[in-house]
Amino acid sequence: AIVAARAAAAEEARLAELAVRRAIGLAREAREL
């Protein structure tokens, strides 16, 4: 259960990081516009 919870948390962090990267790109694009 601990191993599964760690894997799930790592996947959530990875997905959150991808969302943050997209948001950074959108913020930069908005700034230019």
Full PDB file with SEQRES, HELIX, SHEET, SSBOND, CRYST1, ORIGX, SCALE, CONECT and MASTER records, all heavy atoms in Angstrom:
SEQRES   1 A   33  ALA ILE VAL ALA ALA ARG ALA ALA ALA ALA GLU GLU ALA          
SEQRES   2 A   33  ARG LEU ALA GLU LEU ALA VAL ARG ARG ALA ILE GLY LEU          
SEQRES   3 A   33  ALA ARG GLU ALA ARG GLU LEU                                  
HELIX    1 AA1 ILE A    2  GLU A   32  1                                  31    
CRYST1    1.000    1.000    1.000  90.00  90.00  90.00 P 1           1          
ORIGX1      1.000000  0.000000  0.000000        0.00000                         
ORIGX2      0.000000  1.000000  0.000000        0.00000                         
ORIGX3      0.000000  0.000000  1.000000        0.00000                         
SCALE1      1.000000  0.000000  0.000000        0.00000                         
SCALE2      0.000000  1.000000  0.000000        0.00000                         
SCALE3      0.000000  0.000000  1.000000        0.00000                         
ATOM      1  N   ALA A   1       0.832  -1.204   0.000  1.00  0.00           N  
ATOM      2  CA  ALA A   1       0.000   0.000   0.000  1.00  0.00           C  
ATOM      3  C   ALA A   1       0.865   1.251   0.000  1.00  0.00           C  
ATOM      4  O   ALA A   1       0.551   2.236  -0.683  1.00  0.00           O  
ATOM      5  CB  ALA A   1      -0.933  -0.006   1.208  1.00  0.00           C  
ATOM      6  N   ILE A   2       1.956   1.230   0.744  1.00  0.00           N  
ATOM      7  CA  ILE A   2       2.872   2.378   0.770  1.00  0.00           C  
ATOM      8  C   ILE A   2       3.498   2.589  -0.597  1.00  0.00           C  
ATOM      9  O   ILE A   2       3.571   3.723  -1.092  1.00  0.00           O  
ATOM     10  CB  ILE A   2       3.948   2.183   1.858  1.00  0.00           C  
ATOM     11  CG1 ILE A   2       3.310   2.295   3.243  1.00  0.00           C  
ATOM     12  CG2 ILE A   2       5.081   3.190   1.697  1.00  0.00           C  
ATOM     13  CD1 ILE A   2       4.221   1.886   4.384  1.00  0.00           C  
ATOM     14  N   VAL A   3       3.940   1.509  -1.224  1.00  0.00           N  
ATOM     15  CA  VAL A   3       4.544   1.606  -2.560  1.00  0.00           C  
ATOM     16  C   VAL A   3       3.521   2.158  -3.556  1.00  0.00           C  
ATOM     17  O   VAL A   3       3.833   3.040  -4.365  1.00  0.00           O  
ATOM     18  CB  VAL A   3       5.083   0.231  -3.012  1.00  0.00           C  
ATOM     19  CG1 VAL A   3       5.457   0.239  -4.485  1.00  0.00           C  
ATOM     20  CG2 VAL A   3       6.270  -0.180  -2.152  1.00  0.00           C  
ATOM     21  N   ALA A   4       2.295   1.676  -3.489  1.00  0.00           N  
ATOM     22  CA  ALA A   4       1.242   2.150  -4.399  1.00  0.00           C  
ATOM     23  C   ALA A   4       0.930   3.625  -4.151  1.00  0.00           C  
ATOM     24  O   ALA A   4       0.744   4.396  -5.107  1.00  0.00           O  
ATOM     25  CB  ALA A   4      -0.010   1.301  -4.227  1.00  0.00           C  
ATOM     26  N   ALA A   5       0.874   4.017  -2.878  1.00  0.00           N  
ATOM     27  CA  ALA A   5       0.590   5.422  -2.561  1.00  0.00           C  
ATOM     28  C   ALA A   5       1.713   6.326  -3.055  1.00  0.00           C  
ATOM     29  O   ALA A   5       1.452   7.417  -3.585  1.00  0.00           O  
ATOM     30  CB  ALA A   5       0.400   5.584  -1.055  1.00  0.00           C  
ATOM     31  N   ARG A   6       2.953   5.894  -2.897  1.00  0.00           N  
ATOM     32  CA  ARG A   6       4.080   6.690  -3.392  1.00  0.00           C  
ATOM     33  C   ARG A   6       4.033   6.820  -4.909  1.00  0.00           C  
ATOM     34  O   ARG A   6       4.290   7.896  -5.448  1.00  0.00           O  
ATOM     35  CB  ARG A   6       5.402   6.063  -2.964  1.00  0.00           C  
ATOM     36  CG  ARG A   6       5.731   6.293  -1.525  1.00  0.00           C  
ATOM     37  CD  ARG A   6       7.077   5.696  -1.170  1.00  0.00           C  
ATOM     38  NE  ARG A   6       7.388   5.951   0.224  1.00  0.00           N  
ATOM     39  CZ  ARG A   6       8.219   5.234   0.926  1.00  0.00           C  
ATOM     40  NH1 ARG A   6       8.864   4.211   0.384  1.00  0.00           N  
ATOM     41  NH2 ARG A   6       8.449   5.534   2.190  1.00  0.00           N  
ATOM     42  N   ALA A   7       3.720   5.732  -5.587  1.00  0.00           N  
ATOM     43  CA  ALA A   7       3.621   5.779  -7.051  1.00  0.00           C  
ATOM     44  C   ALA A   7       2.502   6.713  -7.487  1.00  0.00           C  
ATOM     45  O   ALA A   7       2.668   7.497  -8.435  1.00  0.00           O  
ATOM     46  CB  ALA A   7       3.401   4.372  -7.602  1.00  0.00           C  
ATOM     47  N   ALA A   8       1.376   6.653  -6.802  1.00  0.00           N  
ATOM     48  CA  ALA A   8       0.251   7.533  -7.139  1.00  0.00           C  
ATOM     49  C   ALA A   8       0.622   8.994  -6.896  1.00  0.00           C  
ATOM     50  O   ALA A   8       0.308   9.870  -7.715  1.00  0.00           O  
ATOM     51  CB  ALA A   8      -0.986   7.151  -6.330  1.00  0.00           C  
ATOM     52  N   ALA A   9       1.292   9.254  -5.791  1.00  0.00           N  
ATOM     53  CA  ALA A   9       1.698  10.635  -5.485  1.00  0.00           C  
ATOM     54  C   ALA A   9       2.706  11.146  -6.503  1.00  0.00           C  
ATOM     55  O   ALA A   9       2.628  12.303  -6.938  1.00  0.00           O  
ATOM     56  CB  ALA A   9       2.287  10.708  -4.079  1.00  0.00           C  
ATOM     57  N   ALA A  10       3.634  10.302  -6.911  1.00  0.00           N  
ATOM     58  CA  ALA A  10       4.623  10.705  -7.919  1.00  0.00           C  
ATOM     59  C   ALA A  10       3.944  11.005  -9.247  1.00  0.00           C  
ATOM     60  O   ALA A  10       4.295  11.977  -9.926  1.00  0.00           O  
ATOM     61  CB  ALA A  10       5.675   9.610  -8.093  1.00  0.00           C  
ATOM     62  N   GLU A  11       2.949  10.214  -9.607  1.00  0.00           N  
ATOM     63  CA  GLU A  11       2.219  10.452 -10.854  1.00  0.00           C  
ATOM     64  C   GLU A  11       1.420  11.755 -10.769  1.00  0.00           C  
ATOM     65  O   GLU A  11       1.386  12.537 -11.724  1.00  0.00           O  
ATOM     66  CB  GLU A  11       1.294   9.278 -11.167  1.00  0.00           C  
ATOM     67  CG  GLU A  11       0.487   9.438 -12.433  1.00  0.00           C  
ATOM     68  CD  GLU A  11       1.314   9.557 -13.708  1.00  0.00           C  
ATOM     69  OE1 GLU A  11       2.540   9.317 -13.696  1.00  0.00           O  
ATOM     70  OE2 GLU A  11       0.726   9.903 -14.747  1.00  0.00           O  
ATOM     71  N   GLU A  12       0.807  12.008  -9.636  1.00  0.00           N  
ATOM     72  CA  GLU A  12       0.077  13.265  -9.455  1.00  0.00           C  
ATOM     73  C   GLU A  12       1.023  14.455  -9.542  1.00  0.00           C  
ATOM     74  O   GLU A  12       0.690  15.477 -10.163  1.00  0.00           O  
ATOM     75  CB  GLU A  12      -0.664  13.276  -8.122  1.00  0.00           C  
ATOM     76  CG  GLU A  12      -1.891  12.404  -8.106  1.00  0.00           C  
ATOM     77  CD  GLU A  12      -2.640  12.490  -6.792  1.00  0.00           C  
ATOM     78  OE1 GLU A  12      -2.558  13.529  -6.111  1.00  0.00           O  
ATOM     79  OE2 GLU A  12      -3.324  11.517  -6.459  1.00  0.00           O  
ATOM     80  N   ALA A  13       2.187  14.343  -8.952  1.00  0.00           N  
ATOM     81  CA  ALA A  13       3.175  15.429  -9.019  1.00  0.00           C  
ATOM     82  C   ALA A  13       3.634  15.638 -10.453  1.00  0.00           C  
ATOM     83  O   ALA A  13       3.798  16.776 -10.904  1.00  0.00           O  
ATOM     84  CB  ALA A  13       4.362  15.121  -8.113  1.00  0.00           C  
ATOM     85  N   ARG A  14       3.819  14.553 -11.192  1.00  0.00           N  
ATOM     86  CA  ARG A  14       4.241  14.657 -12.595  1.00  0.00           C  
ATOM     87  C   ARG A  14       3.167  15.367 -13.422  1.00  0.00           C  
ATOM     88  O   ARG A  14       3.468  16.271 -14.208  1.00  0.00           O  
ATOM     89  CB  ARG A  14       4.519  13.270 -13.173  1.00  0.00           C  
ATOM     90  CG  ARG A  14       5.103  13.282 -14.594  1.00  0.00           C  
ATOM     91  CD  ARG A  14       5.201  11.878 -15.166  1.00  0.00           C  
ATOM     92  NE  ARG A  14       3.898  11.324 -15.498  1.00  0.00           N  
ATOM     93  CZ  ARG A  14       3.188  11.650 -16.577  1.00  0.00           C  
ATOM     94  NH1 ARG A  14       3.651  12.554 -17.431  1.00  0.00           N  
ATOM     95  NH2 ARG A  14       2.021  11.088 -16.821  1.00  0.00           N  
ATOM     96  N   LEU A  15       1.922  14.976 -13.221  1.00  0.00           N  
ATOM     97  CA  LEU A  15       0.826  15.612 -13.956  1.00  0.00           C  
ATOM     98  C   LEU A  15       0.676  17.081 -13.569  1.00  0.00           C  
ATOM     99  O   LEU A  15       0.417  17.931 -14.430  1.00  0.00           O  
ATOM    100  CB  LEU A  15      -0.483  14.855 -13.717  1.00  0.00           C  
ATOM    101  CG  LEU A  15      -0.538  13.441 -14.296  1.00  0.00           C  
ATOM    102  CD1 LEU A  15      -1.817  12.730 -13.868  1.00  0.00           C  
ATOM    103  CD2 LEU A  15      -0.411  13.471 -15.811  1.00  0.00           C  
ATOM    104  N   ALA A  16       0.851  17.384 -12.298  1.00  0.00           N  
ATOM    105  CA  ALA A  16       0.779  18.778 -11.846  1.00  0.00           C  
ATOM    106  C   ALA A  16       1.907  19.588 -12.469  1.00  0.00           C  
ATOM    107  O   ALA A  16       1.696  20.737 -12.888  1.00  0.00           O  
ATOM    108  CB  ALA A  16       0.840  18.842 -10.327  1.00  0.00           C  
ATOM    109  N   GLU A  17       3.093  19.003 -12.548  1.00  0.00           N  
ATOM    110  CA  GLU A  17       4.219  19.711 -13.158  1.00  0.00           C  
ATOM    111  C   GLU A  17       3.948  19.995 -14.637  1.00  0.00           C  
ATOM    112  O   GLU A  17       4.250  21.083 -15.140  1.00  0.00           O  
ATOM    113  CB  GLU A  17       5.507  18.908 -13.006  1.00  0.00           C  
ATOM    114  CG  GLU A  17       6.722  19.659 -13.494  1.00  0.00           C  
ATOM    115  CD  GLU A  17       8.007  18.870 -13.349  1.00  0.00           C  
ATOM    116  OE1 GLU A  17       8.022  17.792 -12.747  1.00  0.00           O  
ATOM    117  OE2 GLU A  17       9.016  19.370 -13.856  1.00  0.00           O  
ATOM    118  N   LEU A  18       3.357  19.026 -15.336  1.00  0.00           N  
ATOM    119  CA  LEU A  18       2.992  19.261 -16.739  1.00  0.00           C  
ATOM    120  C   LEU A  18       1.976  20.394 -16.860  1.00  0.00           C  
ATOM    121  O   LEU A  18       2.078  21.239 -17.753  1.00  0.00           O  
ATOM    122  CB  LEU A  18       2.429  17.980 -17.361  1.00  0.00           C  
ATOM    123  CG  LEU A  18       3.424  16.861 -17.606  1.00  0.00           C  
ATOM    124  CD1 LEU A  18       2.700  15.600 -18.085  1.00  0.00           C  
ATOM    125  CD2 LEU A  18       4.476  17.287 -18.622  1.00  0.00           C  
ATOM    126  N   ALA A  19       0.997  20.422 -15.960  1.00  0.00           N  
ATOM    127  CA  ALA A  19      -0.001  21.497 -15.965  1.00  0.00           C  
ATOM    128  C   ALA A  19       0.658  22.843 -15.702  1.00  0.00           C  
ATOM    129  O   ALA A  19       0.308  23.853 -16.337  1.00  0.00           O  
ATOM    130  CB  ALA A  19      -1.092  21.212 -14.940  1.00  0.00           C  
ATOM    131  N   VAL A  20       1.619  22.876 -14.798  1.00  0.00           N  
ATOM    132  CA  VAL A  20       2.335  24.120 -14.500  1.00  0.00           C  
ATOM    133  C   VAL A  20       3.113  24.573 -15.727  1.00  0.00           C  
ATOM    134  O   VAL A  20       3.108  25.761 -16.078  1.00  0.00           O  
ATOM    135  CB  VAL A  20       3.267  23.941 -13.280  1.00  0.00           C  
ATOM    136  CG1 VAL A  20       4.244  25.095 -13.155  1.00  0.00           C  
ATOM    137  CG2 VAL A  20       2.445  23.806 -12.014  1.00  0.00           C  
ATOM    138  N   ARG A  21       3.755  23.653 -16.411  1.00  0.00           N  
ATOM    139  CA  ARG A  21       4.497  24.017 -17.631  1.00  0.00           C  
ATOM    140  C   ARG A  21       3.575  24.606 -18.687  1.00  0.00           C  
ATOM    141  O   ARG A  21       3.909  25.590 -19.344  1.00  0.00           O  
ATOM    142  CB  ARG A  21       5.219  22.796 -18.207  1.00  0.00           C  
ATOM    143  CG  ARG A  21       6.424  22.382 -17.418  1.00  0.00           C  
ATOM    144  CD  ARG A  21       7.114  21.220 -18.091  1.00  0.00           C  
ATOM    145  NE  ARG A  21       8.141  20.664 -17.256  1.00  0.00           N  
ATOM    146  CZ  ARG A  21       8.794  19.567 -17.531  1.00  0.00           C  
ATOM    147  NH1 ARG A  21       8.527  18.896 -18.631  1.00  0.00           N  
ATOM    148  NH2 ARG A  21       9.727  19.115 -16.726  1.00  0.00           N  
ATOM    149  N   ARG A  22       2.391  23.994 -18.848  1.00  0.00           N  
ATOM    150  CA  ARG A  22       1.413  24.544 -19.807  1.00  0.00           C  
ATOM    151  C   ARG A  22       0.974  25.938 -19.376  1.00  0.00           C  
ATOM    152  O   ARG A  22       0.861  26.854 -20.193  1.00  0.00           O  
ATOM    153  CB  ARG A  22       0.207  23.618 -19.933  1.00  0.00           C  
ATOM    154  CG  ARG A  22       0.455  22.387 -20.774  1.00  0.00           C  
ATOM    155  CD  ARG A  22      -0.841  21.652 -21.104  1.00  0.00           C  
ATOM    156  NE  ARG A  22      -1.560  21.229 -19.916  1.00  0.00           N  
ATOM    157  CZ  ARG A  22      -1.379  20.080 -19.285  1.00  0.00           C  
ATOM    158  NH1 ARG A  22      -0.501  19.226 -19.717  1.00  0.00           N  
ATOM    159  NH2 ARG A  22      -2.103  19.778 -18.217  1.00  0.00           N  
ATOM    160  N   ALA A  23       0.727  26.115 -18.091  1.00  0.00           N  
ATOM    161  CA  ALA A  23       0.291  27.420 -17.572  1.00  0.00           C  
ATOM    162  C   ALA A  23       1.377  28.475 -17.784  1.00  0.00           C  
ATOM    163  O   ALA A  23       1.072  29.623 -18.132  1.00  0.00           O  
ATOM    164  CB  ALA A  23      -0.073  27.308 -16.092  1.00  0.00           C  
ATOM    165  N   ILE A  24       2.638  28.104 -17.592  1.00  0.00           N  
ATOM    166  CA  ILE A  24       3.738  29.047 -17.827  1.00  0.00           C  
ATOM    167  C   ILE A  24       3.750  29.465 -19.285  1.00  0.00           C  
ATOM    168  O   ILE A  24       3.872  30.656 -19.599  1.00  0.00           O  
ATOM    169  CB  ILE A  24       5.087  28.436 -17.408  1.00  0.00           C  
ATOM    170  CG1 ILE A  24       5.176  28.341 -15.887  1.00  0.00           C  
ATOM    171  CG2 ILE A  24       6.256  29.264 -17.955  1.00  0.00           C  
ATOM    172  CD1 ILE A  24       6.356  27.520 -15.389  1.00  0.00           C  
ATOM    173  N   GLY A  25       3.596  28.504 -20.178  1.00  0.00           N  
ATOM    174  CA  GLY A  25       3.562  28.830 -21.604  1.00  0.00           C  
ATOM    175  C   GLY A  25       2.412  29.755 -21.955  1.00  0.00           C  
ATOM    176  O   GLY A  25       2.575  30.709 -22.721  1.00  0.00           O  
ATOM    177  N   LEU A  26       1.251  29.495 -21.364  1.00  0.00           N  
ATOM    178  CA  LEU A  26       0.092  30.348 -21.626  1.00  0.00           C  
ATOM    179  C   LEU A  26       0.283  31.749 -21.048  1.00  0.00           C  
ATOM    180  O   LEU A  26      -0.121  32.740 -21.668  1.00  0.00           O  
ATOM    181  CB  LEU A  26      -1.171  29.698 -21.065  1.00  0.00           C  
ATOM    182  CG  LEU A  26      -1.623  28.430 -21.793  1.00  0.00           C  
ATOM    183  CD1 LEU A  26      -2.755  27.757 -21.029  1.00  0.00           C  
ATOM    184  CD2 LEU A  26      -2.038  28.737 -23.225  1.00  0.00           C  
ATOM    185  N   ALA A  27       0.891  31.837 -19.867  1.00  0.00           N  
ATOM    186  CA  ALA A  27       1.148  33.148 -19.269  1.00  0.00           C  
ATOM    187  C   ALA A  27       2.117  33.945 -20.142  1.00  0.00           C  
ATOM    188  O   ALA A  27       1.928  35.153 -20.355  1.00  0.00           O  
ATOM    189  CB  ALA A  27       1.703  33.000 -17.853  1.00  0.00           C  
ATOM    190  N   ARG A  28       3.130  33.283 -20.661  1.00  0.00           N  
ATOM    191  CA  ARG A  28       4.086  33.963 -21.542  1.00  0.00           C  
ATOM    192  C   ARG A  28       3.409  34.420 -22.829  1.00  0.00           C  
ATOM    193  O   ARG A  28       3.643  35.533 -23.300  1.00  0.00           O  
ATOM    194  CB  ARG A  28       5.261  33.044 -21.851  1.00  0.00           C  
ATOM    195  CG  ARG A  28       6.189  32.862 -20.682  1.00  0.00           C  
ATOM    196  CD  ARG A  28       7.300  31.893 -20.971  1.00  0.00           C  
ATOM    197  NE  ARG A  28       8.187  31.790 -19.813  1.00  0.00           N  
ATOM    198  CZ  ARG A  28       9.092  30.852 -19.664  1.00  0.00           C  
ATOM    199  NH1 ARG A  28       9.260  29.922 -20.591  1.00  0.00           N  
ATOM    200  NH2 ARG A  28       9.847  30.825 -18.584  1.00  0.00           N  
ATOM    201  N   GLU A  29       2.564  33.551 -23.371  1.00  0.00           N  
ATOM    202  CA  GLU A  29       1.838  33.914 -24.591  1.00  0.00           C  
ATOM    203  C   GLU A  29       0.905  35.094 -24.329  1.00  0.00           C  
ATOM    204  O   GLU A  29       0.839  36.037 -25.126  1.00  0.00           O  
ATOM    205  CB  GLU A  29       1.048  32.717 -25.096  1.00  0.00           C  
ATOM    206  CG  GLU A  29       0.307  32.970 -26.389  1.00  0.00           C  
ATOM    207  CD  GLU A  29      -0.473  31.760 -26.861  1.00  0.00           C  
ATOM    208  OE1 GLU A  29      -0.141  30.625 -26.463  1.00  0.00           O  
ATOM    209  OE2 GLU A  29      -1.411  31.967 -27.642  1.00  0.00           O  
ATOM    210  N   ALA A  30       0.211  35.060 -23.214  1.00  0.00           N  
ATOM    211  CA  ALA A  30      -0.702  36.154 -22.866  1.00  0.00           C  
ATOM    212  C   ALA A  30       0.059  37.456 -22.700  1.00  0.00           C  
ATOM    213  O   ALA A  30      -0.402  38.515 -23.148  1.00  0.00           O  
ATOM    214  CB  ALA A  30      -1.461  35.818 -21.583  1.00  0.00           C  
ATOM    215  N   ARG A  31       1.228  37.386 -22.071  1.00  0.00           N  
ATOM    216  CA  ARG A  31       2.029  38.596 -21.867  1.00  0.00           C  
ATOM    217  C   ARG A  31       2.394  39.226 -23.205  1.00  0.00           C  
ATOM    218  O   ARG A  31       2.373  40.432 -23.355  1.00  0.00           O  
ATOM    219  CB  ARG A  31       3.291  38.283 -21.072  1.00  0.00           C  
ATOM    220  CG  ARG A  31       4.033  39.540 -20.683  1.00  0.00           C  
ATOM    221  CD  ARG A  31       5.381  39.230 -20.054  1.00  0.00           C  
ATOM    222  NE  ARG A  31       6.007  40.416 -19.526  1.00  0.00           N  
ATOM    223  CZ  ARG A  31       6.527  41.401 -20.280  1.00  0.00           C  
ATOM    224  NH1 ARG A  31       6.482  41.342 -21.579  1.00  0.00           N  
ATOM    225  NH2 ARG A  31       7.077  42.450 -19.713  1.00  0.00           N  
ATOM    226  N   GLU A  32       2.727  38.392 -24.180  1.00  0.00           N  
ATOM    227  CA  GLU A  32       3.085  38.906 -25.497  1.00  0.00           C  
ATOM    228  C   GLU A  32       1.888  39.520 -26.214  1.00  0.00           C  
ATOM    229  O   GLU A  32       2.045  40.418 -27.038  1.00  0.00           O  
ATOM    230  CB  GLU A  32       3.688  37.787 -26.341  1.00  0.00           C  
ATOM    231  CG  GLU A  32       5.044  37.321 -25.853  1.00  0.00           C  
ATOM    232  CD  GLU A  32       5.562  36.119 -26.617  1.00  0.00           C  
ATOM    233  OE1 GLU A  32       4.975  35.758 -27.656  1.00  0.00           O  
ATOM    234  OE2 GLU A  32       6.554  35.529 -26.162  1.00  0.00           O  
ATOM    235  N   LEU A  33       0.704  39.027 -25.899  1.00  0.00           N  
ATOM    236  CA  LEU A  33      -0.499  39.512 -26.575  1.00  0.00           C  
ATOM    237  C   LEU A  33      -1.090  40.772 -25.950  1.00  0.00           C  
ATOM    238  O   LEU A  33      -1.905  41.446 -26.571  1.00  0.00           O  
ATOM    239  CB  LEU A  33      -1.563  38.412 -26.592  1.00  0.00           C  
ATOM    240  CG  LEU A  33      -1.220  37.169 -27.405  1.00  0.00           C  
ATOM    241  CD1 LEU A  33      -2.292  36.107 -27.209  1.00  0.00           C  
ATOM    242  CD2 LEU A  33      -1.060  37.514 -28.877  1.00  0.00           C  
TER     243      LEU A  33                                                      
MASTER        0    0    0    1    0    0    0    6  242    1    0    3          
END                                                                             
